[in-house]
Amino acid sequence: MTEKDFLDQAVLAMLGNSSRVLDPDVLWATARMIWEKRPKNERSKPIRRGAPRSEDYWTEFWNAYDKKVGTAKAKEKFLAIPREDRPAVVAAAKDYAERTPEVKYRKHPLTWLNQQCWLDVAPKDAKTQSEIDWI
């Protein structure tokens, strides 16, 4: 948590806990005093609010895709994808893995990521090409 975030939260908490009008200068001075008394190792710790980290998405993608080739480059490419797109990539990888149960017929993970295959529209019908030809 940054100093600014901490001070903002402390002032808001003091305002919320008081029914009388408080001097803003006193509030900020009190908040700064509380900040200074915190141990230095606690001052810069980020607060994790339950959102998955990049590594969590990568692990989920890698296990779902289940073709373990080109790990380093695939991971680098995956982590270059914007954070907000990663859940969609993981979901599409799970779907692709279900549609291609034989691992040997799946694209390499790096190829799949480079070609942005998560944006492709999956066929609604799971029939194979030979079944489609006979219909």
Protein backbone atom coordinates (compact mmCIF):
# COMPACT_ATOMS: atom_id res chain seq x y z
CA MET A 1 0.00 0.00 0.00
CA THR A 2 1.41 3.36 -0.94
CA GLU A 3 1.69 6.20 1.51
CA LYS A 4 -0.94 8.23 -0.32
CA ASP A 5 -3.44 5.35 -0.28
CA PHE A 6 -2.82 4.76 3.41
CA LEU A 7 -3.25 8.43 4.30
CA ASP A 8 -6.45 8.71 2.26
CA GLN A 9 -7.94 5.64 3.94
CA ALA A 10 -6.88 6.76 7.41
CA VAL A 11 -8.45 10.21 6.98
CA LEU A 12 -11.66 8.71 5.62
CA ALA A 13 -11.81 6.27 8.52
CA MET A 14 -11.33 9.06 11.06
CA LEU A 15 -14.04 11.13 9.37
CA GLY A 16 -16.42 8.18 9.36
CA ASN A 17 -15.86 7.46 13.05
CA SER A 18 -16.52 11.01 14.23
CA SER A 19 -19.83 12.80 14.58
CA ARG A 20 -18.25 16.23 15.01
CA VAL A 21 -16.48 18.53 12.58
CA LEU A 22 -12.74 17.84 12.50
CA ASP A 23 -9.91 20.08 11.35
CA PRO A 24 -8.45 18.67 8.08
CA ASP A 25 -4.90 19.61 9.07
CA VAL A 26 -5.23 17.63 12.29
CA LEU A 27 -6.62 14.64 10.38
CA TRP A 28 -3.73 14.60 7.90
CA ALA A 29 -1.14 15.09 10.65
CA THR A 30 -2.63 12.21 12.64
CA ALA A 31 -2.71 9.97 9.57
CA ARG A 32 0.94 10.80 8.78
CA MET A 33 1.91 10.05 12.40
CA ILE A 34 0.21 6.64 12.16
CA TRP A 35 2.01 5.97 8.85
CA GLU A 36 5.39 6.83 10.35
CA LYS A 37 4.84 4.47 13.30
CA ARG A 38 4.23 1.48 11.02
CA PRO A 39 7.22 -0.81 10.57
CA LYS A 40 9.09 -0.03 7.35
CA ASN A 41 8.62 -3.55 6.00
CA GLU A 42 4.81 -3.11 6.16
CA ARG A 43 4.74 0.23 4.40
CA SER A 44 5.27 -0.98 0.87
CA LYS A 45 3.43 -4.31 0.94
CA PRO A 46 0.80 -4.48 -1.76
CA ILE A 47 -2.64 -5.52 -0.64
CA ARG A 48 -3.94 -8.56 -2.48
CA ARG A 49 -7.67 -8.34 -2.77
CA GLY A 50 -8.29 -11.84 -4.05
CA ALA A 51 -7.75 -11.08 -7.74
CA PRO A 52 -5.69 -13.74 -9.47
CA ARG A 53 -2.09 -12.86 -10.21
CA SER A 54 -0.53 -13.20 -13.65
CA GLU A 55 1.16 -16.41 -12.57
CA ASP A 56 -2.20 -17.88 -11.53
CA TYR A 57 -3.65 -17.26 -15.00
CA TRP A 58 -0.53 -18.66 -16.63
CA THR A 59 -0.67 -21.85 -14.57
CA GLU A 60 -4.35 -22.30 -15.30
CA PHE A 61 -3.75 -21.75 -19.03
CA TRP A 62 -0.78 -24.11 -19.14
CA ASN A 63 -2.59 -26.90 -17.33
CA ALA A 64 -5.75 -26.49 -19.43
CA TYR A 65 -3.91 -26.40 -22.76
CA ASP A 66 -1.87 -29.46 -21.78
CA LYS A 67 0.63 -29.47 -24.61
CA LYS A 68 3.89 -28.90 -22.78
CA VAL A 69 6.20 -27.57 -25.49
CA GLY A 70 7.96 -24.22 -25.74
CA THR A 71 7.20 -23.29 -22.16
CA ALA A 72 9.46 -20.24 -21.78
CA LYS A 73 8.41 -18.46 -24.97
CA ALA A 74 4.75 -19.36 -24.48
CA LYS A 75 4.84 -17.96 -20.95
CA GLU A 76 6.50 -14.76 -22.16
CA LYS A 77 3.85 -14.35 -24.85
CA PHE A 78 1.01 -15.12 -22.42
CA LEU A 79 2.24 -12.54 -19.90
CA ALA A 80 2.39 -9.95 -22.71
CA ILE A 81 -1.39 -10.28 -23.16
CA PRO A 82 -3.29 -7.47 -21.35
CA ARG A 83 -4.50 -8.50 -17.90
CA GLU A 84 -8.15 -7.92 -18.68
CA ASP A 85 -7.95 -10.38 -21.62
CA ARG A 86 -6.29 -13.23 -19.72
CA PRO A 87 -9.49 -14.80 -18.30
CA ALA A 88 -10.92 -15.01 -21.83
CA VAL A 89 -7.69 -16.60 -23.09
CA VAL A 90 -7.80 -19.22 -20.34
CA ALA A 91 -11.47 -20.00 -21.04
CA ALA A 92 -10.81 -20.32 -24.78
CA ALA A 93 -7.81 -22.59 -24.11
CA LYS A 94 -9.99 -24.89 -22.00
CA ASP A 95 -12.59 -24.98 -24.77
CA TYR A 96 -9.94 -25.66 -27.43
CA ALA A 97 -8.46 -28.48 -25.34
CA GLU A 98 -11.90 -30.07 -24.98
CA ARG A 99 -12.52 -29.83 -28.73
CA THR A 100 -9.13 -31.39 -29.52
CA PRO A 101 -8.83 -34.27 -27.06
CA GLU A 102 -5.77 -35.73 -28.79
CA VAL A 103 -2.85 -33.55 -27.75
CA LYS A 104 -0.82 -34.37 -30.86
CA TYR A 105 -3.38 -32.52 -33.03
CA ARG A 106 -3.32 -29.31 -30.98
CA LYS A 107 -1.33 -26.31 -32.15
CA HIS A 108 1.78 -25.51 -30.19
CA PRO A 109 0.86 -23.15 -27.36
CA LEU A 110 3.10 -20.37 -28.70
CA THR A 111 1.50 -20.65 -32.13
CA TRP A 112 -1.97 -20.58 -30.57
CA LEU A 113 -1.05 -17.44 -28.62
CA ASN A 114 0.75 -15.71 -31.52
CA GLN A 115 -2.22 -16.25 -33.82
CA GLN A 116 -4.63 -15.01 -31.12
CA CYS A 117 -6.72 -18.14 -31.58
CA TRP A 118 -8.77 -17.31 -28.50
CA LEU A 119 -10.56 -14.77 -30.71
CA ASP A 120 -11.63 -17.46 -33.21
CA VAL A 121 -15.23 -18.54 -33.21
CA ALA A 122 -15.53 -22.14 -32.07
CA PRO A 123 -17.77 -24.38 -34.14
CA LYS A 124 -21.13 -24.85 -32.46
CA ASP A 125 -21.39 -28.44 -33.65
CA ALA A 126 -18.73 -30.88 -32.48
CA LYS A 127 -19.04 -33.13 -35.57
CA THR A 128 -15.88 -34.09 -37.39
CA GLN A 129 -15.27 -33.12 -41.02
CA SER A 130 -16.03 -36.66 -42.26
CA GLU A 131 -19.43 -36.60 -40.54
CA ILE A 132 -20.21 -33.22 -42.09
CA ASP A 133 -19.37 -34.51 -45.60
CA TRP A 134 -21.93 -37.31 -45.28
CA ILE A 135 -24.81 -35.13 -44.11
